[in-house]
Amino acid sequence: MGLREIKSEINKLNKEELIKHISELYKKYQPVKEYFDFYLNPDEKKLL
C-alpha cells in the first residue's frame, strides 16, 4: 500500500478514530513515541 492509499483511508476516518489509531501507534512503537514527544516538546539537546 502506498502513501496515496493511506491518505485516502485516513481521510475517511473521523476525529475519534484518528485519535485511537495515533494513540495505539504511540503506545506500540518507540520511534512514534519519540516523534510525538519531540513534536510536542522540541528539545534538541535531549534528542542528541
PDB file of N, CA and C in Angstrom:
ATOM      1  N   MET A   1       0.850  -1.178   0.000  1.00  0.00           N
ATOM      2  CA  MET A   1       0.000   0.000   0.000  1.00  0.00           C
ATOM      3  C   MET A   1       0.888   1.230   0.000  1.00  0.00           C
ATOM      4  N   GLY A   2       0.568   2.170  -0.805  1.00  0.00           N
ATOM      5  CA  GLY A   2       1.360   3.385  -0.914  1.00  0.00           C
ATOM      6  C   GLY A   2       0.783   4.528  -0.097  1.00  0.00           C
ATOM      7  N   LEU A   3       1.522   5.627  -0.093  1.00  0.00           N
ATOM      8  CA  LEU A   3       1.118   6.802   0.669  1.00  0.00           C
ATOM      9  C   LEU A   3      -0.236   7.340   0.193  1.00  0.00           C
ATOM     10  N   ARG A   4      -0.479   7.305  -1.098  1.00  0.00           N
ATOM     11  CA  ARG A   4      -1.752   7.797  -1.644  1.00  0.00           C
ATOM     12  C   ARG A   4      -2.933   7.016  -1.063  1.00  0.00           C
ATOM     13  N   GLU A   5      -2.799   5.698  -0.984  1.00  0.00           N
ATOM     14  CA  GLU A   5      -3.868   4.873  -0.432  1.00  0.00           C
ATOM     15  C   GLU A   5      -4.056   5.124   1.061  1.00  0.00           C
ATOM     16  N   ILE A   6      -2.941   5.283   1.772  1.00  0.00           N
ATOM     17  CA  ILE A   6      -3.008   5.569   3.208  1.00  0.00           C
ATOM     18  C   ILE A   6      -3.744   6.893   3.438  1.00  0.00           C
ATOM     19  N   LYS A   7      -3.379   7.923   2.683  1.00  0.00           N
ATOM     20  CA  LYS A   7      -4.033   9.224   2.832  1.00  0.00           C
ATOM     21  C   LYS A   7      -5.524   9.120   2.534  1.00  0.00           C
ATOM     22  N   SER A   8      -5.880   8.343   1.535  1.00  0.00           N
ATOM     23  CA  SER A   8      -7.285   8.164   1.177  1.00  0.00           C
ATOM     24  C   SER A   8      -8.059   7.521   2.324  1.00  0.00           C
ATOM     25  N   GLU A   9      -7.472   6.502   2.936  1.00  0.00           N
ATOM     26  CA  GLU A   9      -8.134   5.826   4.050  1.00  0.00           C
ATOM     27  C   GLU A   9      -8.207   6.723   5.282  1.00  0.00           C
ATOM     28  N   ILE A  10      -7.166   7.489   5.548  1.00  0.00           N
ATOM     29  CA  ILE A  10      -7.157   8.401   6.694  1.00  0.00           C
ATOM     30  C   ILE A  10      -8.240   9.464   6.538  1.00  0.00           C
ATOM     31  N   ASN A  11      -8.440   9.934   5.330  1.00  0.00           N
ATOM     32  CA  ASN A  11      -9.469  10.950   5.079  1.00  0.00           C
ATOM     33  C   ASN A  11     -10.877  10.444   5.377  1.00  0.00           C
ATOM     34  N   LYS A  12     -11.061   9.138   5.393  1.00  0.00           N
ATOM     35  CA  LYS A  12     -12.366   8.547   5.676  1.00  0.00           C
ATOM     36  C   LYS A  12     -12.651   8.459   7.175  1.00  0.00           C
ATOM     37  N   LEU A  13     -11.636   8.608   8.011  1.00  0.00           N
ATOM     38  CA  LEU A  13     -11.786   8.447   9.450  1.00  0.00           C
ATOM     39  C   LEU A  13     -12.272   9.734  10.108  1.00  0.00           C
ATOM     40  N   ASN A  14     -13.013   9.571  11.205  1.00  0.00           N
ATOM     41  CA  ASN A  14     -13.407  10.743  11.972  1.00  0.00           C
ATOM     42  C   ASN A  14     -12.338  11.025  13.039  1.00  0.00           C
ATOM     43  N   LYS A  15     -12.511  12.096  13.760  1.00  0.00           N
ATOM     44  CA  LYS A  15     -11.504  12.538  14.728  1.00  0.00           C
ATOM     45  C   LYS A  15     -11.244  11.482  15.801  1.00  0.00           C
ATOM     46  N   GLU A  16     -12.281  10.866  16.331  1.00  0.00           N
ATOM     47  CA  GLU A  16     -12.124   9.866  17.381  1.00  0.00           C
ATOM     48  C   GLU A  16     -11.336   8.656  16.890  1.00  0.00           C
ATOM     49  N   GLU A  17     -11.604   8.235  15.654  1.00  0.00           N
ATOM     50  CA  GLU A  17     -10.879   7.098  15.084  1.00  0.00           C
ATOM     51  C   GLU A  17      -9.404   7.438  14.886  1.00  0.00           C
ATOM     52  N   LEU A  18      -9.129   8.659  14.426  1.00  0.00           N
ATOM     53  CA  LEU A  18      -7.737   9.089  14.258  1.00  0.00           C
ATOM     54  C   LEU A  18      -7.003   9.109  15.592  1.00  0.00           C
ATOM     55  N   ILE A  19      -7.658   9.634  16.624  1.00  0.00           N
ATOM     56  CA  ILE A  19      -7.043   9.682  17.949  1.00  0.00           C
ATOM     57  C   ILE A  19      -6.752   8.265  18.439  1.00  0.00           C
ATOM     58  N   LYS A  20      -7.671   7.347  18.230  1.00  0.00           N
ATOM     59  CA  LYS A  20      -7.480   5.955  18.639  1.00  0.00           C
ATOM     60  C   LYS A  20      -6.265   5.343  17.939  1.00  0.00           C
ATOM     61  N   HIS A  21      -6.166   5.520  16.629  1.00  0.00           N
ATOM     62  CA  HIS A  21      -5.059   4.948  15.869  1.00  0.00           C
ATOM     63  C   HIS A  21      -3.714   5.550  16.273  1.00  0.00           C
ATOM     64  N   ILE A  22      -3.682   6.854  16.435  1.00  0.00           N
ATOM     65  CA  ILE A  22      -2.437   7.519  16.829  1.00  0.00           C
ATOM     66  C   ILE A  22      -2.032   7.085  18.229  1.00  0.00           C
ATOM     67  N   SER A  23      -2.989   6.955  19.117  1.00  0.00           N
ATOM     68  CA  SER A  23      -2.693   6.508  20.483  1.00  0.00           C
ATOM     69  C   SER A  23      -2.112   5.093  20.486  1.00  0.00           C
ATOM     70  N   GLU A  24      -2.672   4.215  19.676  1.00  0.00           N
ATOM     71  CA  GLU A  24      -2.154   2.845  19.573  1.00  0.00           C
ATOM     72  C   GLU A  24      -0.721   2.846  19.044  1.00  0.00           C
ATOM     73  N   LEU A  25      -0.463   3.640  18.003  1.00  0.00           N
ATOM     74  CA  LEU A  25       0.893   3.725  17.460  1.00  0.00           C
ATOM     75  C   LEU A  25       1.865   4.265  18.500  1.00  0.00           C
ATOM     76  N   TYR A  26       1.429   5.267  19.251  1.00  0.00           N
ATOM     77  CA  TYR A  26       2.260   5.883  20.290  1.00  0.00           C
ATOM     78  C   TYR A  26       2.647   4.854  21.344  1.00  0.00           C
ATOM     79  N   LYS A  27       1.694   4.014  21.751  1.00  0.00           N
ATOM     80  CA  LYS A  27       1.964   3.010  22.781  1.00  0.00           C
ATOM     81  C   LYS A  27       2.824   1.861  22.269  1.00  0.00           C
ATOM     82  N   LYS A  28       2.660   1.471  21.010  1.00  0.00           N
ATOM     83  CA  LYS A  28       3.312   0.274  20.475  1.00  0.00           C
ATOM     84  C   LYS A  28       4.727   0.503  19.949  1.00  0.00           C
ATOM     85  N   TYR A  29       4.985   1.675  19.376  1.00  0.00           N
ATOM     86  CA  TYR A  29       6.228   1.882  18.639  1.00  0.00           C
ATOM     87  C   TYR A  29       7.037   3.036  19.222  1.00  0.00           C
ATOM     88  N   GLN A  30       8.221   2.712  19.695  1.00  0.00           N
ATOM     89  CA  GLN A  30       9.100   3.704  20.314  1.00  0.00           C
ATOM     90  C   GLN A  30       9.430   4.868  19.382  1.00  0.00           C
ATOM     91  N   PRO A  31       9.729   4.647  18.091  1.00  0.00           N
ATOM     92  CA  PRO A  31      10.004   5.793  17.208  1.00  0.00           C
ATOM     93  C   PRO A  31       8.816   6.760  17.095  1.00  0.00           C
ATOM     94  N   VAL A  32       7.600   6.245  17.122  1.00  0.00           N
ATOM     95  CA  VAL A  32       6.414   7.106  17.064  1.00  0.00           C
ATOM     96  C   VAL A  32       6.316   7.917  18.351  1.00  0.00           C
ATOM     97  N   LYS A  33       6.569   7.269  19.485  1.00  0.00           N
ATOM     98  CA  LYS A  33       6.557   7.964  20.774  1.00  0.00           C
ATOM     99  C   LYS A  33       7.603   9.080  20.788  1.00  0.00           C
ATOM    100  N   GLU A  34       8.800   8.769  20.332  1.00  0.00           N
ATOM    101  CA  GLU A  34       9.863   9.774  20.293  1.00  0.00           C
ATOM    102  C   GLU A  34       9.488  10.936  19.374  1.00  0.00           C
ATOM    103  N   TYR A  35       8.892  10.637  18.225  1.00  0.00           N
ATOM    104  CA  TYR A  35       8.478  11.679  17.288  1.00  0.00           C
ATOM    105  C   TYR A  35       7.483  12.634  17.940  1.00  0.00           C
ATOM    106  N   PHE A  36       6.420  12.072  18.544  1.00  0.00           N
ATOM    107  CA  PHE A  36       5.399  12.927  19.144  1.00  0.00           C
ATOM    108  C   PHE A  36       5.901  13.651  20.384  1.00  0.00           C
ATOM    109  N   ASP A  37       6.755  12.993  21.165  1.00  0.00           N
ATOM    110  CA  ASP A  37       7.345  13.670  22.320  1.00  0.00           C
ATOM    111  C   ASP A  37       8.154  14.882  21.866  1.00  0.00           C
ATOM    112  N   PHE A  38       8.935  14.725  20.824  1.00  0.00           N
ATOM    113  CA  PHE A  38       9.726  15.831  20.297  1.00  0.00           C
ATOM    114  C   PHE A  38       8.828  16.885  19.643  1.00  0.00           C
ATOM    115  N   TYR A  39       7.790  16.448  18.953  1.00  0.00           N
ATOM    116  CA  TYR A  39       6.853  17.368  18.299  1.00  0.00           C
ATOM    117  C   TYR A  39       6.188  18.275  19.332  1.00  0.00           C
ATOM    118  N   LEU A  40       5.809  17.700  20.466  1.00  0.00           N
ATOM    119  CA  LEU A  40       5.115  18.468  21.492  1.00  0.00           C
ATOM    120  C   LEU A  40       6.053  19.279  22.367  1.00  0.00           C
ATOM    121  N   ASN A  41       7.293  18.809  22.506  1.00  0.00           N
ATOM    122  CA  ASN A  41       8.253  19.496  23.356  1.00  0.00           C
ATOM    123  C   ASN A  41       9.637  19.403  22.716  1.00  0.00           C
ATOM    124  N   PRO A  42       9.905  20.227  21.691  1.00  0.00           N
ATOM    125  CA  PRO A  42      11.176  20.118  20.978  1.00  0.00           C
ATOM    126  C   PRO A  42      12.365  20.515  21.866  1.00  0.00           C
ATOM    127  N   ASP A  43      13.195  19.534  22.148  1.00  0.00           N
ATOM    128  CA  ASP A  43      14.396  19.748  22.975  1.00  0.00           C
ATOM    129  C   ASP A  43      15.553  19.080  22.247  1.00  0.00           C
ATOM    130  N   GLU A  44      16.247  19.849  21.423  1.00  0.00           N
ATOM    131  CA  GLU A  44      17.322  19.304  20.611  1.00  0.00           C
ATOM    132  C   GLU A  44      18.439  18.700  21.455  1.00  0.00           C
ATOM    133  N   LYS A  45      18.749  19.301  22.586  1.00  0.00           N
ATOM    134  CA  LYS A  45      19.815  18.788  23.457  1.00  0.00           C
ATOM    135  C   LYS A  45      19.481  17.396  23.969  1.00  0.00           C
ATOM    136  N   LYS A  46      18.240  17.198  24.387  1.00  0.00           N
ATOM    137  CA  LYS A  46      17.816  15.877  24.881  1.00  0.00           C
ATOM    138  C   LYS A  46      17.835  14.855  23.755  1.00  0.00           C
ATOM    139  N   LEU A  47      17.463  15.260  22.559  1.00  0.00           N
ATOM    140  CA  LEU A  47      17.415  14.355  21.418  1.00  0.00           C
ATOM    141  C   LEU A  47      18.808  13.856  21.064  1.00  0.00           C
ATOM    142  N   LEU A  48      19.800  14.743  21.141  1.00  0.00           N
ATOM    143  CA  LEU A  48      21.168  14.357  20.806  1.00  0.00           C
ATOM    144  C   LEU A  48      21.773  13.569  21.933  1.00  0.00           C
TER     145      LEU A  48
END
